[in-house]
C-alpha atoms as a PDB file:
ATOM      1  CA  UNK A   1      53.126  18.785  86.847  1.00  0.00           C
ATOM      2  CA  UNK A   2      53.917  21.665  84.544  1.00  0.00           C
ATOM      3  CA  UNK A   3      54.307  25.380  85.021  1.00  0.00           C
ATOM      4  CA  UNK A   4      51.867  27.627  83.184  1.00  0.00           C
ATOM      5  CA  UNK A   5      51.893  31.404  82.881  1.00  0.00           C
ATOM      6  CA  UNK A   6      49.072  33.670  81.771  1.00  0.00           C
ATOM      7  CA  UNK A   7      50.746  36.706  80.236  1.00  0.00           C
ATOM      8  CA  UNK A   8      47.376  38.478  79.975  1.00  0.00           C
ATOM      9  CA  UNK A   9      47.180  38.494  83.779  1.00  0.00           C
ATOM     10  CA  UNK A  10      50.874  39.189  84.518  1.00  0.00           C
ATOM     11  CA  UNK A  11      51.659  42.665  85.861  1.00  0.00           C
ATOM     12  CA  UNK A  12      55.430  42.373  85.423  1.00  0.00           C
ATOM     13  CA  UNK A  13      56.313  42.518  89.124  1.00  0.00           C
ATOM     14  CA  UNK A  14      59.222  40.149  88.498  1.00  0.00           C
ATOM     15  CA  UNK A  15      59.011  38.192  91.739  1.00  0.00           C
ATOM     16  CA  UNK A  16      59.028  34.923  89.796  1.00  0.00           C
ATOM     17  CA  UNK A  17      62.260  35.819  87.988  1.00  0.00           C
ATOM     18  CA  UNK A  18      63.870  36.932  91.256  1.00  0.00           C
ATOM     19  CA  UNK A  19      62.762  33.793  93.104  1.00  0.00           C
ATOM     20  CA  UNK A  20      63.570  31.220  90.400  1.00  0.00           C
ATOM     21  CA  UNK A  21      65.798  32.860  87.756  1.00  0.00           C
ATOM     22  CA  UNK A  22      66.661  29.564  86.074  1.00  0.00           C
ATOM     23  CA  UNK A  23      62.967  28.911  85.431  1.00  0.00           C
ATOM     24  CA  UNK A  24      61.381  32.343  84.911  1.00  0.00           C
ATOM     25  CA  UNK A  25      62.406  35.464  83.049  1.00  0.00           C
ATOM     26  CA  UNK A  26      60.746  38.672  81.970  1.00  0.00           C
ATOM     27  CA  UNK A  27      60.273  39.689  78.357  1.00  0.00           C
ATOM     28  CA  UNK A  28      62.632  42.374  77.103  1.00  0.00           C
ATOM     29  CA  UNK A  29      59.853  44.269  75.344  1.00  0.00           C
ATOM     30  CA  UNK A  30      57.012  44.078  77.843  1.00  0.00           C
ATOM     31  CA  UNK A  31      58.478  42.809  81.147  1.00  0.00           C
ATOM     32  CA  UNK A  32      55.917  40.015  81.337  1.00  0.00           C
ATOM     33  CA  UNK A  33      56.632  36.522  82.623  1.00  0.00           C
ATOM     34  CA  UNK A  34      58.357  33.977  80.428  1.00  0.00           C
ATOM     35  CA  UNK A  35      58.664  30.339  81.511  1.00  0.00           C
ATOM     36  CA  UNK A  36      62.115  29.054  80.592  1.00  0.00           C
ATOM     37  CA  UNK A  37      61.580  25.477  81.795  1.00  0.00           C
ATOM     38  CA  UNK A  38      57.897  24.422  82.005  1.00  0.00           C
ATOM     39  CA  UNK A  39      58.851  20.953  83.261  1.00  0.00           C
ATOM     40  CA  UNK A  40      60.755  22.230  86.334  1.00  0.00           C
ATOM     41  CA  UNK A  41      57.674  22.139  88.546  1.00  0.00           C
ATOM     42  CA  UNK A  42      59.448  20.022  91.165  1.00  0.00           C
ATOM     43  CA  UNK A  43      61.871  22.823  92.002  1.00  0.00           C
ATOM     44  CA  UNK A  44      60.917  24.235  95.453  1.00  0.00           C
ATOM     45  CA  UNK A  45      61.558  27.778  94.207  1.00  0.00           C
ATOM     46  CA  UNK A  46      58.728  27.360  91.690  1.00  0.00           C
ATOM     47  CA  UNK A  47      56.143  26.831  94.415  1.00  0.00           C
ATOM     48  CA  UNK A  48      57.465  29.899  96.207  1.00  0.00           C
ATOM     49  CA  UNK A  49      57.242  31.929  92.989  1.00  0.00           C
ATOM     50  CA  UNK A  50      53.646  30.778  92.452  1.00  0.00           C
ATOM     51  CA  UNK A  51      52.761  31.833  96.008  1.00  0.00           C
ATOM     52  CA  UNK A  52      54.496  35.212  95.640  1.00  0.00           C
ATOM     53  CA  UNK A  53      52.991  36.170  92.274  1.00  0.00           C
ATOM     54  CA  UNK A  54      50.780  39.193  93.030  1.00  0.00           C
ATOM     55  CA  UNK A  55      48.540  38.693  89.996  1.00  0.00           C
ATOM     56  CA  UNK A  56      48.250  34.910  90.105  1.00  0.00           C
ATOM     57  CA  UNK A  57      49.644  34.683  86.581  1.00  0.00           C
ATOM     58  CA  UNK A  58      51.737  31.577  87.209  1.00  0.00           C
ATOM     59  CA  UNK A  59      50.387  28.211  88.280  1.00  0.00           C
ATOM     60  CA  UNK A  60      51.218  24.542  88.531  1.00  0.00           C
ATOM     61  CA  UNK A  61      48.957  22.269  86.505  1.00  0.00           C
ATOM     62  CA  UNK A  62      48.617  18.504  86.207  1.00  0.00           C
END
């Protein structure tokens, strides 16, 4: 599985970066999600971040 992020949907809430800071960050210019490690889908914090994302911008894909 891989982590994907749709920056056109992201609202910049930052819950992903707070939940899994080693995997997600926010852009300096726009505050939108940035995936630091797309292959870290096995990390339990990633699933929590996906569930917490208010806009549904991040997902796990096969």
